[in-house]
Amino acid sequence: MNLFDFQLLPYHEKIDTLYEQGVYLGKRKMDDLTVLLYQLDGYYIEIFYKKHRCYVTKVNVFSSTSLLDPYLDQIAVEPFVYTK
């Protein structure tokens, strides 16, 4: 499913699709919000939860990697070692 098709889905189908097919990448806190980051078919989705995931307040869909900056400290990147 491409980014445009995902954006056209009704709200509840977005959440269902994300939980069934998305890959969890990270989490961050903002005031009284928890934001979860997922990847789906080459784009990213942030789910904004209010008060410990009681309900979703916003779904943000994007493809730009510049918006991943708040999550980079959570991604473990092993050093690349070339062997013959």
N, C-alpha and C. Protein backbone atom coordinates (compact mmCIF):
# COMPACT_ATOMS: atom_id res chain seq x y z
N MET A 1 0.85 -1.17 0.00
CA MET A 1 0.00 0.00 0.00
C MET A 1 0.90 1.24 0.00
N ASN A 2 0.67 2.13 -0.92
CA ASN A 2 1.50 3.33 -0.95
C ASN A 2 0.98 4.38 0.04
N LEU A 3 1.77 5.42 0.22
CA LEU A 3 1.47 6.47 1.18
C LEU A 3 0.12 7.13 0.89
N PHE A 4 -0.15 7.42 -0.35
CA PHE A 4 -1.40 8.09 -0.71
C PHE A 4 -2.61 7.21 -0.37
N ASP A 5 -2.52 5.91 -0.70
CA ASP A 5 -3.63 5.00 -0.40
C ASP A 5 -3.85 4.89 1.11
N PHE A 6 -2.77 4.87 1.87
CA PHE A 6 -2.89 4.81 3.33
C PHE A 6 -3.61 6.05 3.86
N GLN A 7 -3.26 7.20 3.34
CA GLN A 7 -3.88 8.45 3.80
C GLN A 7 -5.38 8.49 3.49
N LEU A 8 -5.81 7.80 2.46
CA LEU A 8 -7.23 7.79 2.09
C LEU A 8 -8.07 6.85 2.95
N LEU A 9 -7.41 5.95 3.69
CA LEU A 9 -8.16 5.02 4.52
C LEU A 9 -8.91 5.74 5.63
N PRO A 10 -10.07 5.21 6.03
CA PRO A 10 -10.74 5.74 7.22
C PRO A 10 -9.84 5.54 8.44
N TYR A 11 -10.04 6.36 9.42
CA TYR A 11 -9.19 6.37 10.62
C TYR A 11 -8.98 4.97 11.20
N HIS A 12 -10.05 4.23 11.47
CA HIS A 12 -9.91 2.93 12.12
C HIS A 12 -9.16 1.93 11.24
N GLU A 13 -9.29 2.05 9.91
CA GLU A 13 -8.55 1.17 9.02
C GLU A 13 -7.06 1.51 8.98
N LYS A 14 -6.73 2.79 9.14
CA LYS A 14 -5.32 3.18 9.24
C LYS A 14 -4.67 2.49 10.43
N ILE A 15 -5.33 2.56 11.57
CA ILE A 15 -4.78 1.96 12.79
C ILE A 15 -4.67 0.44 12.64
N ASP A 16 -5.71 -0.20 12.13
CA ASP A 16 -5.69 -1.65 11.93
C ASP A 16 -4.57 -2.07 10.98
N THR A 17 -4.44 -1.36 9.86
CA THR A 17 -3.40 -1.66 8.88
C THR A 17 -2.02 -1.49 9.48
N LEU A 18 -1.85 -0.44 10.23
CA LEU A 18 -0.57 -0.17 10.85
C LEU A 18 -0.17 -1.28 11.83
N TYR A 19 -1.10 -1.69 12.68
CA TYR A 19 -0.79 -2.73 13.67
C TYR A 19 -0.59 -4.09 13.03
N GLU A 20 -1.24 -4.34 11.90
CA GLU A 20 -1.11 -5.64 11.23
C GLU A 20 0.12 -5.72 10.32
N GLN A 21 0.46 -4.62 9.64
CA GLN A 21 1.50 -4.67 8.63
C GLN A 21 2.71 -3.77 8.91
N GLY A 22 2.56 -2.82 9.81
CA GLY A 22 3.65 -1.87 10.08
C GLY A 22 4.75 -2.47 10.93
N VAL A 23 5.91 -1.85 10.85
CA VAL A 23 7.07 -2.25 11.65
C VAL A 23 7.34 -1.16 12.67
N TYR A 24 7.30 -1.52 13.95
CA TYR A 24 7.55 -0.56 15.02
C TYR A 24 9.02 -0.15 14.99
N LEU A 25 9.28 1.17 15.05
CA LEU A 25 10.65 1.67 15.01
C LEU A 25 11.07 2.39 16.28
N GLY A 26 10.16 3.03 16.98
CA GLY A 26 10.58 3.78 18.16
C GLY A 26 9.44 4.53 18.81
N LYS A 27 9.82 5.21 19.92
CA LYS A 27 8.83 5.94 20.71
C LYS A 27 9.49 7.20 21.26
N ARG A 28 8.69 8.24 21.44
CA ARG A 28 9.18 9.46 22.08
C ARG A 28 8.05 10.06 22.90
N LYS A 29 8.41 10.92 23.84
CA LYS A 29 7.43 11.58 24.70
C LYS A 29 7.43 13.07 24.39
N MET A 30 6.23 13.65 24.40
CA MET A 30 6.05 15.08 24.19
C MET A 30 4.97 15.54 25.17
N ASP A 31 5.35 16.27 26.19
CA ASP A 31 4.39 16.76 27.19
C ASP A 31 3.51 15.61 27.67
N ASP A 32 2.20 15.66 27.40
CA ASP A 32 1.30 14.59 27.83
C ASP A 32 0.99 13.60 26.71
N LEU A 33 1.83 13.59 25.67
CA LEU A 33 1.64 12.68 24.53
C LEU A 33 2.76 11.64 24.47
N THR A 34 2.43 10.48 23.99
CA THR A 34 3.40 9.46 23.61
C THR A 34 3.25 9.29 22.11
N VAL A 35 4.38 9.30 21.39
CA VAL A 35 4.36 9.20 19.93
C VAL A 35 5.10 7.92 19.55
N LEU A 36 4.40 7.04 18.83
CA LEU A 36 5.00 5.80 18.34
C LEU A 36 5.27 5.93 16.85
N LEU A 37 6.44 5.45 16.42
CA LEU A 37 6.84 5.53 15.02
C LEU A 37 6.82 4.13 14.40
N TYR A 38 6.19 4.03 13.24
CA TYR A 38 6.14 2.79 12.49
C TYR A 38 6.59 3.05 11.06
N GLN A 39 7.03 1.99 10.38
CA GLN A 39 7.33 2.07 8.95
C GLN A 39 6.40 1.10 8.23
N LEU A 40 5.92 1.52 7.08
CA LEU A 40 5.05 0.69 6.27
C LEU A 40 5.34 0.97 4.81
N ASP A 41 5.82 -0.03 4.09
CA ASP A 41 6.05 0.08 2.64
C ASP A 41 6.83 1.32 2.21
N GLY A 42 7.89 1.66 2.92
CA GLY A 42 8.77 2.75 2.51
C GLY A 42 8.39 4.13 3.01
N TYR A 43 7.39 4.25 3.84
CA TYR A 43 7.04 5.53 4.44
C TYR A 43 6.84 5.32 5.94
N TYR A 44 6.65 6.41 6.66
CA TYR A 44 6.61 6.38 8.12
C TYR A 44 5.29 6.93 8.64
N ILE A 45 4.89 6.39 9.78
CA ILE A 45 3.64 6.82 10.40
C ILE A 45 3.90 7.06 11.88
N GLU A 46 3.53 8.24 12.35
CA GLU A 46 3.57 8.53 13.78
C GLU A 46 2.15 8.46 14.32
N ILE A 47 1.99 7.79 15.45
CA ILE A 47 0.71 7.71 16.14
C ILE A 47 0.86 8.47 17.45
N PHE A 48 0.09 9.51 17.63
CA PHE A 48 0.14 10.34 18.83
C PHE A 48 -0.94 9.87 19.80
N TYR A 49 -0.50 9.41 20.98
CA TYR A 49 -1.44 8.94 22.01
C TYR A 49 -1.47 9.94 23.15
N LYS A 50 -2.62 10.13 23.72
CA LYS A 50 -2.80 11.02 24.86
C LYS A 50 -2.97 10.17 26.12
N LYS A 51 -2.28 10.59 27.18
CA LYS A 51 -2.41 9.95 28.50
C LYS A 51 -2.26 8.44 28.45
N HIS A 52 -1.04 8.03 28.23
CA HIS A 52 -0.68 6.60 28.30
C HIS A 52 -1.51 5.73 27.37
N ARG A 53 -1.66 6.17 26.14
CA ARG A 53 -2.32 5.40 25.07
C ARG A 53 -3.80 5.15 25.30
N CYS A 54 -4.45 6.00 26.00
CA CYS A 54 -5.90 5.84 26.16
C CYS A 54 -6.62 6.10 24.84
N TYR A 55 -6.14 7.05 24.07
CA TYR A 55 -6.75 7.29 22.77
C TYR A 55 -5.77 8.01 21.85
N VAL A 56 -5.97 7.81 20.55
CA VAL A 56 -5.11 8.42 19.54
C VAL A 56 -5.63 9.81 19.24
N THR A 57 -4.71 10.78 19.25
CA THR A 57 -5.10 12.16 18.95
C THR A 57 -4.72 12.59 17.54
N LYS A 58 -3.74 11.89 16.93
CA LYS A 58 -3.26 12.31 15.62
C LYS A 58 -2.53 11.16 14.95
N VAL A 59 -2.63 11.08 13.63
CA VAL A 59 -1.85 10.16 12.82
C VAL A 59 -1.10 11.00 11.80
N ASN A 60 0.22 10.94 11.81
CA ASN A 60 1.06 11.72 10.91
C ASN A 60 1.77 10.76 9.96
N VAL A 61 1.58 10.93 8.66
CA VAL A 61 2.18 10.06 7.64
C VAL A 61 3.18 10.90 6.84
N PHE A 62 4.40 10.35 6.65
CA PHE A 62 5.42 11.10 5.91
C PHE A 62 6.44 10.16 5.29
N SER A 63 7.18 10.66 4.33
CA SER A 63 8.23 9.86 3.69
C SER A 63 9.61 10.47 3.88
N SER A 64 9.68 11.69 4.35
CA SER A 64 10.96 12.37 4.53
C SER A 64 11.73 11.82 5.73
N THR A 65 12.97 11.45 5.51
CA THR A 65 13.78 10.95 6.62
C THR A 65 14.20 12.05 7.58
N SER A 66 14.07 13.31 7.19
CA SER A 66 14.46 14.40 8.10
C SER A 66 13.56 14.44 9.34
N LEU A 67 12.35 13.91 9.24
CA LEU A 67 11.45 13.89 10.39
C LEU A 67 11.74 12.75 11.36
N LEU A 68 12.75 11.94 11.04
CA LEU A 68 13.13 10.83 11.92
C LEU A 68 14.11 11.24 13.01
N ASP A 69 14.61 12.46 12.95
CA ASP A 69 15.63 12.93 13.90
C ASP A 69 15.30 12.64 15.37
N PRO A 70 14.07 12.86 15.85
CA PRO A 70 13.79 12.61 17.27
C PRO A 70 13.94 11.13 17.68
N TYR A 71 14.02 10.23 16.72
CA TYR A 71 14.09 8.80 17.01
C TYR A 71 15.49 8.21 16.83
N LEU A 72 16.42 8.97 16.26
CA LEU A 72 17.71 8.41 15.89
C LEU A 72 18.51 7.85 17.05
N ASP A 73 18.37 8.41 18.23
CA ASP A 73 19.13 7.90 19.38
C ASP A 73 18.65 6.52 19.82
N GLN A 74 17.51 6.06 19.34
CA GLN A 74 16.97 4.75 19.71
C GLN A 74 17.39 3.65 18.75
N ILE A 75 17.97 4.02 17.62
CA ILE A 75 18.32 3.04 16.59
C ILE A 75 19.76 2.61 16.78
N ALA A 76 19.95 1.33 17.04
CA ALA A 76 21.30 0.78 17.20
C ALA A 76 21.83 0.40 15.83
N VAL A 77 22.93 1.00 15.48
CA VAL A 77 23.56 0.71 14.20
C VAL A 77 24.89 0.05 14.47
N GLU A 78 25.00 -1.20 14.06
CA GLU A 78 26.24 -1.93 14.25
C GLU A 78 27.26 -1.44 13.22
N PRO A 79 28.52 -1.33 13.63
CA PRO A 79 29.53 -0.91 12.65
C PRO A 79 29.64 -1.94 11.53
N PHE A 80 29.80 -1.46 10.32
CA PHE A 80 29.92 -2.33 9.18
C PHE A 80 31.35 -2.83 9.08
N VAL A 81 31.52 -4.13 9.02
CA VAL A 81 32.86 -4.74 8.91
C VAL A 81 32.88 -5.53 7.63
N TYR A 82 33.80 -5.17 6.76
CA TYR A 82 33.93 -5.87 5.49
C TYR A 82 34.93 -7.00 5.65
N THR A 83 34.53 -8.20 5.27
CA THR A 83 35.45 -9.35 5.30
C THR A 83 35.42 -10.04 3.95
N LYS A 84 36.55 -10.57 3.56
CA LYS A 84 36.63 -11.30 2.27
C LYS A 84 36.48 -12.77 2.52
